[in-house]
PDB file of N, CA and C in Angstrom:
ATOM      1  N   UNK A   1     -70.057 -26.645  -8.785  1.00  0.00           N
ATOM      2  CA  UNK A   1     -71.349 -26.279  -8.216  1.00  0.00           C
ATOM      3  C   UNK A   1     -71.371 -26.663  -6.755  1.00  0.00           C
ATOM      4  N   UNK A   2     -71.763 -25.744  -5.945  1.00  0.00           N
ATOM      5  CA  UNK A   2     -71.942 -26.010  -4.530  1.00  0.00           C
ATOM      6  C   UNK A   2     -73.393 -26.419  -4.313  1.00  0.00           C
ATOM      7  N   UNK A   3     -73.649 -27.708  -4.382  1.00  0.00           N
ATOM      8  CA  UNK A   3     -75.014 -28.207  -4.216  1.00  0.00           C
ATOM      9  C   UNK A   3     -75.258 -28.335  -2.720  1.00  0.00           C
ATOM     10  N   UNK A   4     -75.525 -27.190  -2.081  1.00  0.00           N
ATOM     11  CA  UNK A   4     -75.693 -27.151  -0.633  1.00  0.00           C
ATOM     12  C   UNK A   4     -77.080 -27.650  -0.230  1.00  0.00           C
ATOM     13  N   UNK A   5     -77.310 -27.702   1.068  1.00  0.00           N
ATOM     14  CA  UNK A   5     -78.578 -28.261   1.557  1.00  0.00           C
ATOM     15  C   UNK A   5     -79.784 -27.450   1.084  1.00  0.00           C
ATOM     16  N   UNK A   6     -79.633 -26.135   0.946  1.00  0.00           N
ATOM     17  CA  UNK A   6     -80.741 -25.313   0.451  1.00  0.00           C
ATOM     18  C   UNK A   6     -81.066 -25.651  -1.006  1.00  0.00           C
ATOM     19  N   UNK A   7     -80.031 -25.823  -1.827  1.00  0.00           N
ATOM     20  CA  UNK A   7     -80.245 -26.193  -3.226  1.00  0.00           C
ATOM     21  C   UNK A   7     -80.863 -27.582  -3.345  1.00  0.00           C
ATOM     22  N   UNK A   8     -80.422 -28.494  -2.502  1.00  0.00           N
ATOM     23  CA  UNK A   8     -80.973 -29.850  -2.521  1.00  0.00           C
ATOM     24  C   UNK A   8     -82.450 -29.824  -2.137  1.00  0.00           C
ATOM     25  N   UNK A   9     -82.778 -29.088  -1.079  1.00  0.00           N
ATOM     26  CA  UNK A   9     -84.178 -28.980  -0.652  1.00  0.00           C
ATOM     27  C   UNK A   9     -85.036 -28.370  -1.759  1.00  0.00           C
ATOM     28  N   UNK A  10     -84.536 -27.333  -2.388  1.00  0.00           N
ATOM     29  CA  UNK A  10     -85.257 -26.670  -3.468  1.00  0.00           C
ATOM     30  C   UNK A  10     -85.488 -27.635  -4.632  1.00  0.00           C
ATOM     31  N   UNK A  11     -84.433 -28.297  -5.071  1.00  0.00           N
ATOM     32  CA  UNK A  11     -84.520 -29.256  -6.173  1.00  0.00           C
ATOM     33  C   UNK A  11     -85.534 -30.357  -5.858  1.00  0.00           C
ATOM     34  N   UNK A  12     -85.426 -30.953  -4.680  1.00  0.00           N
ATOM     35  CA  UNK A  12     -86.322 -32.056  -4.324  1.00  0.00           C
ATOM     36  C   UNK A  12     -87.769 -31.595  -4.162  1.00  0.00           C
ATOM     37  N   UNK A  13     -87.974 -30.401  -3.665  1.00  0.00           N
ATOM     38  CA  UNK A  13     -89.339 -29.894  -3.506  1.00  0.00           C
ATOM     39  C   UNK A  13     -89.985 -29.653  -4.857  1.00  0.00           C
ATOM     40  N   UNK A  14     -89.237 -29.086  -5.798  1.00  0.00           N
ATOM     41  CA  UNK A  14     -89.772 -28.910  -7.156  1.00  0.00           C
ATOM     42  C   UNK A  14     -90.045 -30.278  -7.770  1.00  0.00           C
ATOM     43  N   UNK A  15     -89.130 -31.204  -7.600  1.00  0.00           N
ATOM     44  CA  UNK A  15     -89.308 -32.556  -8.135  1.00  0.00           C
ATOM     45  C   UNK A  15     -90.556 -33.212  -7.545  1.00  0.00           C
ATOM     46  N   UNK A  16     -90.741 -33.107  -6.245  1.00  0.00           N
ATOM     47  CA  UNK A  16     -91.870 -33.753  -5.566  1.00  0.00           C
ATOM     48  C   UNK A  16     -93.214 -33.095  -5.868  1.00  0.00           C
ATOM     49  N   UNK A  17     -93.228 -31.772  -5.993  1.00  0.00           N
ATOM     50  CA  UNK A  17     -94.494 -31.067  -6.205  1.00  0.00           C
ATOM     51  C   UNK A  17     -94.866 -30.936  -7.670  1.00  0.00           C
ATOM     52  N   UNK A  18     -93.872 -30.964  -8.556  1.00  0.00           N
ATOM     53  CA  UNK A  18     -94.150 -30.881  -9.983  1.00  0.00           C
ATOM     54  C   UNK A  18     -94.389 -29.484 -10.518  1.00  0.00           C
ATOM     55  N   UNK A  19     -94.177 -28.465  -9.671  1.00  0.00           N
ATOM     56  CA  UNK A  19     -94.327 -27.093 -10.166  1.00  0.00           C
ATOM     57  C   UNK A  19     -93.536 -26.129  -9.298  1.00  0.00           C
ATOM     58  N   UNK A  20     -93.146 -25.021  -9.911  1.00  0.00           N
ATOM     59  CA  UNK A  20     -92.450 -23.983  -9.161  1.00  0.00           C
ATOM     60  C   UNK A  20     -93.403 -23.326  -8.167  1.00  0.00           C
ATOM     61  N   UNK A  21     -94.653 -23.135  -8.562  1.00  0.00           N
ATOM     62  CA  UNK A  21     -95.633 -22.491  -7.678  1.00  0.00           C
ATOM     63  C   UNK A  21     -95.889 -23.321  -6.427  1.00  0.00           C
ATOM     64  N   UNK A  22     -96.095 -24.609  -6.599  1.00  0.00           N
ATOM     65  CA  UNK A  22     -96.340 -25.479  -5.445  1.00  0.00           C
ATOM     66  C   UNK A  22     -95.108 -25.560  -4.550  1.00  0.00           C
ATOM     67  N   UNK A  23     -93.943 -25.636  -5.162  1.00  0.00           N
ATOM     68  CA  UNK A  23     -92.706 -25.656  -4.379  1.00  0.00           C
ATOM     69  C   UNK A  23     -92.543 -24.349  -3.613  1.00  0.00           C
ATOM     70  N   UNK A  24     -92.857 -23.240  -4.260  1.00  0.00           N
ATOM     71  CA  UNK A  24     -92.750 -21.932  -3.608  1.00  0.00           C
ATOM     72  C   UNK A  24     -93.674 -21.852  -2.396  1.00  0.00           C
ATOM     73  N   UNK A  25     -94.902 -22.323  -2.545  1.00  0.00           N
ATOM     74  CA  UNK A  25     -95.839 -22.322  -1.411  1.00  0.00           C
ATOM     75  C   UNK A  25     -95.287 -23.153  -0.254  1.00  0.00           C
ATOM     76  N   UNK A  26     -94.774 -24.318  -0.581  1.00  0.00           N
ATOM     77  CA  UNK A  26     -94.260 -25.218   0.450  1.00  0.00           C
ATOM     78  C   UNK A  26     -93.033 -24.639   1.156  1.00  0.00           C
ATOM     79  N   UNK A  27     -92.214 -23.892   0.404  1.00  0.00           N
ATOM     80  CA  UNK A  27     -90.978 -23.328   0.952  1.00  0.00           C
ATOM     81  C   UNK A  27     -91.126 -21.874   1.408  1.00  0.00           C
ATOM     82  N   UNK A  28     -92.352 -21.354   1.337  1.00  0.00           N
ATOM     83  CA  UNK A  28     -92.622 -19.960   1.715  1.00  0.00           C
ATOM     84  C   UNK A  28     -91.775 -18.971   0.920  1.00  0.00           C
ATOM     85  N   UNK A  29     -91.759 -19.163  -0.388  1.00  0.00           N
ATOM     86  CA  UNK A  29     -91.059 -18.272  -1.310  1.00  0.00           C
ATOM     87  C   UNK A  29     -92.010 -17.878  -2.420  1.00  0.00           C
ATOM     88  N   UNK A  30     -91.584 -16.933  -3.231  1.00  0.00           N
ATOM     89  CA  UNK A  30     -92.379 -16.579  -4.406  1.00  0.00           C
ATOM     90  C   UNK A  30     -91.931 -17.469  -5.563  1.00  0.00           C
ATOM     91  N   UNK A  31     -92.846 -17.812  -6.477  1.00  0.00           N
ATOM     92  CA  UNK A  31     -92.496 -18.702  -7.589  1.00  0.00           C
ATOM     93  C   UNK A  31     -91.317 -18.214  -8.427  1.00  0.00           C
ATOM     94  N   UNK A  32     -91.219 -16.913  -8.638  1.00  0.00           N
ATOM     95  CA  UNK A  32     -90.111 -16.405  -9.452  1.00  0.00           C
ATOM     96  C   UNK A  32     -88.760 -16.671  -8.792  1.00  0.00           C
ATOM     97  N   UNK A  33     -88.706 -16.643  -7.465  1.00  0.00           N
ATOM     98  CA  UNK A  33     -87.453 -16.934  -6.761  1.00  0.00           C
ATOM     99  C   UNK A  33     -87.069 -18.402  -6.914  1.00  0.00           C
ATOM    100  N   UNK A  34     -88.058 -19.281  -6.865  1.00  0.00           N
ATOM    101  CA  UNK A  34     -87.800 -20.709  -7.052  1.00  0.00           C
ATOM    102  C   UNK A  34     -87.328 -20.969  -8.478  1.00  0.00           C
ATOM    103  N   UNK A  35     -88.018 -20.385  -9.437  1.00  0.00           N
ATOM    104  CA  UNK A  35     -87.647 -20.551 -10.839  1.00  0.00           C
ATOM    105  C   UNK A  35     -86.234 -20.044 -11.098  1.00  0.00           C
ATOM    106  N   UNK A  36     -85.910 -18.879 -10.554  1.00  0.00           N
ATOM    107  CA  UNK A  36     -84.586 -18.303 -10.755  1.00  0.00           C
ATOM    108  C   UNK A  36     -83.505 -19.155 -10.091  1.00  0.00           C
ATOM    109  N   UNK A  37     -83.790 -19.666  -8.907  1.00  0.00           N
ATOM    110  CA  UNK A  37     -82.817 -20.506  -8.212  1.00  0.00           C
ATOM    111  C   UNK A  37     -82.550 -21.790  -8.989  1.00  0.00           C
ATOM    112  N   UNK A  38     -83.594 -22.415  -9.513  1.00  0.00           N
ATOM    113  CA  UNK A  38     -83.410 -23.622 -10.326  1.00  0.00           C
ATOM    114  C   UNK A  38     -82.626 -23.284 -11.588  1.00  0.00           C
ATOM    115  N   UNK A  39     -82.937 -22.160 -12.223  1.00  0.00           N
ATOM    116  CA  UNK A  39     -82.203 -21.738 -13.421  1.00  0.00           C
ATOM    117  C   UNK A  39     -80.724 -21.529 -13.105  1.00  0.00           C
ATOM    118  N   UNK A  40     -80.416 -20.960 -11.946  1.00  0.00           N
ATOM    119  CA  UNK A  40     -79.021 -20.770 -11.545  1.00  0.00           C
ATOM    120  C   UNK A  40     -78.322 -22.104 -11.314  1.00  0.00           C
ATOM    121  N   UNK A  41     -79.014 -23.038 -10.682  1.00  0.00           N
ATOM    122  CA  UNK A  41     -78.452 -24.375 -10.473  1.00  0.00           C
ATOM    123  C   UNK A  41     -78.173 -25.028 -11.825  1.00  0.00           C
ATOM    124  N   UNK A  42     -79.139 -24.947 -12.733  1.00  0.00           N
ATOM    125  CA  UNK A  42     -78.972 -25.534 -14.069  1.00  0.00           C
ATOM    126  C   UNK A  42     -77.802 -24.898 -14.810  1.00  0.00           C
ATOM    127  N   UNK A  43     -77.657 -23.584 -14.694  1.00  0.00           N
ATOM    128  CA  UNK A  43     -76.557 -22.887 -15.371  1.00  0.00           C
ATOM    129  C   UNK A  43     -75.208 -23.358 -14.833  1.00  0.00           C
ATOM    130  N   UNK A  44     -75.116 -23.536 -13.525  1.00  0.00           N
ATOM    131  CA  UNK A  44     -73.866 -24.005 -12.939  1.00  0.00           C
ATOM    132  C   UNK A  44     -73.574 -25.456 -13.311  1.00  0.00           C
ATOM    133  N   UNK A  45     -74.613 -26.278 -13.369  1.00  0.00           N
ATOM    134  CA  UNK A  45     -74.427 -27.681 -13.748  1.00  0.00           C
ATOM    135  C   UNK A  45     -74.131 -27.836 -15.235  1.00  0.00           C
ATOM    136  N   UNK A  46     -74.693 -26.936 -16.037  1.00  0.00           N
ATOM    137  CA  UNK A  46     -74.494 -27.006 -17.478  1.00  0.00           C
ATOM    138  C   UNK A  46     -75.529 -27.844 -18.200  1.00  0.00           C
ATOM    139  N   UNK A  47     -76.622 -28.170 -17.532  1.00  0.00           N
ATOM    140  CA  UNK A  47     -77.714 -28.906 -18.173  1.00  0.00           C
ATOM    141  C   UNK A  47     -79.023 -28.623 -17.444  1.00  0.00           C
ATOM    142  N   UNK A  48     -80.117 -28.884 -18.143  1.00  0.00           N
ATOM    143  CA  UNK A  48     -81.445 -28.641 -17.582  1.00  0.00           C
ATOM    144  C   UNK A  48     -81.860 -29.785 -16.670  1.00  0.00           C
ATOM    145  N   UNK A  49     -82.496 -29.424 -15.575  1.00  0.00           N
ATOM    146  CA  UNK A  49     -83.064 -30.410 -14.658  1.00  0.00           C
ATOM    147  C   UNK A  49     -84.549 -30.612 -14.900  1.00  0.00           C
ATOM    148  N   UNK A  50     -85.197 -29.585 -15.460  1.00  0.00           N
ATOM    149  CA  UNK A  50     -86.639 -29.640 -15.681  1.00  0.00           C
ATOM    150  C   UNK A  50     -86.997 -29.052 -17.036  1.00  0.00           C
ATOM    151  N   UNK A  51     -87.986 -29.682 -17.680  1.00  0.00           N
ATOM    152  CA  UNK A  51     -88.617 -29.104 -18.867  1.00  0.00           C
ATOM    153  C   UNK A  51     -89.799 -28.299 -18.353  1.00  0.00           C
ATOM    154  N   UNK A  52     -89.912 -27.076 -18.802  1.00  0.00           N
ATOM    155  CA  UNK A  52     -90.971 -26.205 -18.304  1.00  0.00           C
ATOM    156  C   UNK A  52     -92.179 -26.192 -19.231  1.00  0.00           C
ATOM    157  N   UNK A  53     -93.370 -26.244 -18.637  1.00  0.00           N
ATOM    158  CA  UNK A  53     -94.618 -26.023 -19.360  1.00  0.00           C
ATOM    159  C   UNK A  53     -95.335 -24.890 -18.631  1.00  0.00           C
ATOM    160  N   UNK A  54     -96.501 -24.520 -19.098  1.00  0.00           N
ATOM    161  CA  UNK A  54     -97.223 -23.424 -18.451  1.00  0.00           C
ATOM    162  C   UNK A  54     -97.703 -23.778 -17.048  1.00  0.00           C
ATOM    163  N   UNK A  55     -98.025 -25.009 -16.811  1.00  0.00           N
ATOM    164  CA  UNK A  55     -98.619 -25.401 -15.529  1.00  0.00           C
ATOM    165  C   UNK A  55     -97.711 -26.250 -14.638  1.00  0.00           C
ATOM    166  N   UNK A  56     -96.711 -26.890 -15.215  1.00  0.00           N
ATOM    167  CA  UNK A  56     -95.903 -27.807 -14.418  1.00  0.00           C
ATOM    168  C   UNK A  56     -94.491 -27.889 -14.973  1.00  0.00           C
ATOM    169  N   UNK A  57     -93.649 -28.589 -14.242  1.00  0.00           N
ATOM    170  CA  UNK A  57     -92.305 -28.886 -14.717  1.00  0.00           C
ATOM    171  C   UNK A  57     -92.157 -30.399 -14.777  1.00  0.00           C
ATOM    172  N   UNK A  58     -91.408 -30.847 -15.748  1.00  0.00           N
ATOM    173  CA  UNK A  58     -91.197 -32.274 -15.957  1.00  0.00           C
ATOM    174  C   UNK A  58     -89.712 -32.555 -15.765  1.00  0.00           C
ATOM    175  N   UNK A  59     -89.347 -33.466 -14.869  1.00  0.00           N
ATOM    176  CA  UNK A  59     -87.933 -33.735 -14.649  1.00  0.00           C
ATOM    177  C   UNK A  59     -87.280 -34.352 -15.883  1.00  0.00           C
ATOM    178  N   UNK A  60     -86.063 -33.918 -16.159  1.00  0.00           N
ATOM    179  CA  UNK A  60     -85.294 -34.489 -17.258  1.00  0.00           C
ATOM    180  C   UNK A  60     -84.622 -35.768 -16.763  1.00  0.00           C
ATOM    181  N   UNK A  61     -84.005 -36.483 -17.677  1.00  0.00           N
ATOM    182  CA  UNK A  61     -83.253 -37.682 -17.301  1.00  0.00           C
ATOM    183  C   UNK A  61     -82.140 -37.319 -16.320  1.00  0.00           C
ATOM    184  N   UNK A  62     -81.546 -36.152 -16.504  1.00  0.00           N
ATOM    185  CA  UNK A  62     -80.483 -35.702 -15.594  1.00  0.00           C
ATOM    186  C   UNK A  62     -81.022 -35.510 -14.180  1.00  0.00           C
ATOM    187  N   UNK A  63     -82.205 -34.943 -14.054  1.00  0.00           N
ATOM    188  CA  UNK A  63     -82.816 -34.742 -12.736  1.00  0.00           C
ATOM    189  C   UNK A  63     -83.115 -36.081 -12.074  1.00  0.00           C
ATOM    190  N   UNK A  64     -83.623 -37.010 -12.845  1.00  0.00           N
ATOM    191  CA  UNK A  64     -83.944 -38.326 -12.294  1.00  0.00           C
ATOM    192  C   UNK A  64     -82.684 -39.072 -11.877  1.00  0.00           C
ATOM    193  N   UNK A  65     -81.582 -38.850 -12.601  1.00  0.00           N
ATOM    194  CA  UNK A  65     -80.308 -39.473 -12.230  1.00  0.00           C
ATOM    195  C   UNK A  65     -79.735 -38.842 -10.961  1.00  0.00           C
ATOM    196  N   UNK A  66     -79.963 -37.555 -10.780  1.00  0.00           N
ATOM    197  CA  UNK A  66     -79.457 -36.831  -9.614  1.00  0.00           C
ATOM    198  C   UNK A  66     -80.293 -37.092  -8.359  1.00  0.00           C
ATOM    199  N   UNK A  67     -81.545 -37.440  -8.537  1.00  0.00           N
ATOM    200  CA  UNK A  67     -82.469 -37.595  -7.408  1.00  0.00           C
ATOM    201  C   UNK A  67     -81.967 -38.535  -6.311  1.00  0.00           C
ATOM    202  N   UNK A  68     -81.514 -39.755  -6.619  1.00  0.00           N
ATOM    203  CA  UNK A  68     -81.088 -40.647  -5.527  1.00  0.00           C
ATOM    204  C   UNK A  68     -79.956 -40.063  -4.687  1.00  0.00           C
ATOM    205  N   UNK A  69     -79.018 -39.385  -5.330  1.00  0.00           N
ATOM    206  CA  UNK A  69     -77.906 -38.768  -4.593  1.00  0.00           C
ATOM    207  C   UNK A  69     -78.413 -37.631  -3.718  1.00  0.00           C
ATOM    208  N   UNK A  70     -79.373 -36.872  -4.219  1.00  0.00           N
ATOM    209  CA  UNK A  70     -79.906 -35.730  -3.476  1.00  0.00           C
ATOM    210  C   UNK A  70     -80.699 -36.183  -2.253  1.00  0.00           C
ATOM    211  N   UNK A  71     -81.296 -37.353  -2.325  1.00  0.00           N
ATOM    212  CA  UNK A  71     -82.133 -37.835  -1.218  1.00  0.00           C
ATOM    213  C   UNK A  71     -81.323 -38.481  -0.093  1.00  0.00           C
ATOM    214  N   UNK A  72     -80.044 -38.650  -0.293  1.00  0.00           N
ATOM    215  CA  UNK A  72     -79.196 -39.272   0.750  1.00  0.00           C
ATOM    216  C   UNK A  72     -79.038 -38.335   1.930  1.00  0.00           C
TER     217      UNK A  72
END
């Protein structure tokens, strides 16, 4: 997986805002693009980073473990 700066920014913004919609607003994207990008990252990693609900996303243990490295 090429976890480039764009992917890191996307991941951290979703983590910080708690939703694809809020992250999309902050990044000037549409929510479906954010959701699809996270899904692509998850597919390449081979595990889920977020549990999805109707209104928000909840970080998985894997996402919380990845967070400190992403913030460097």
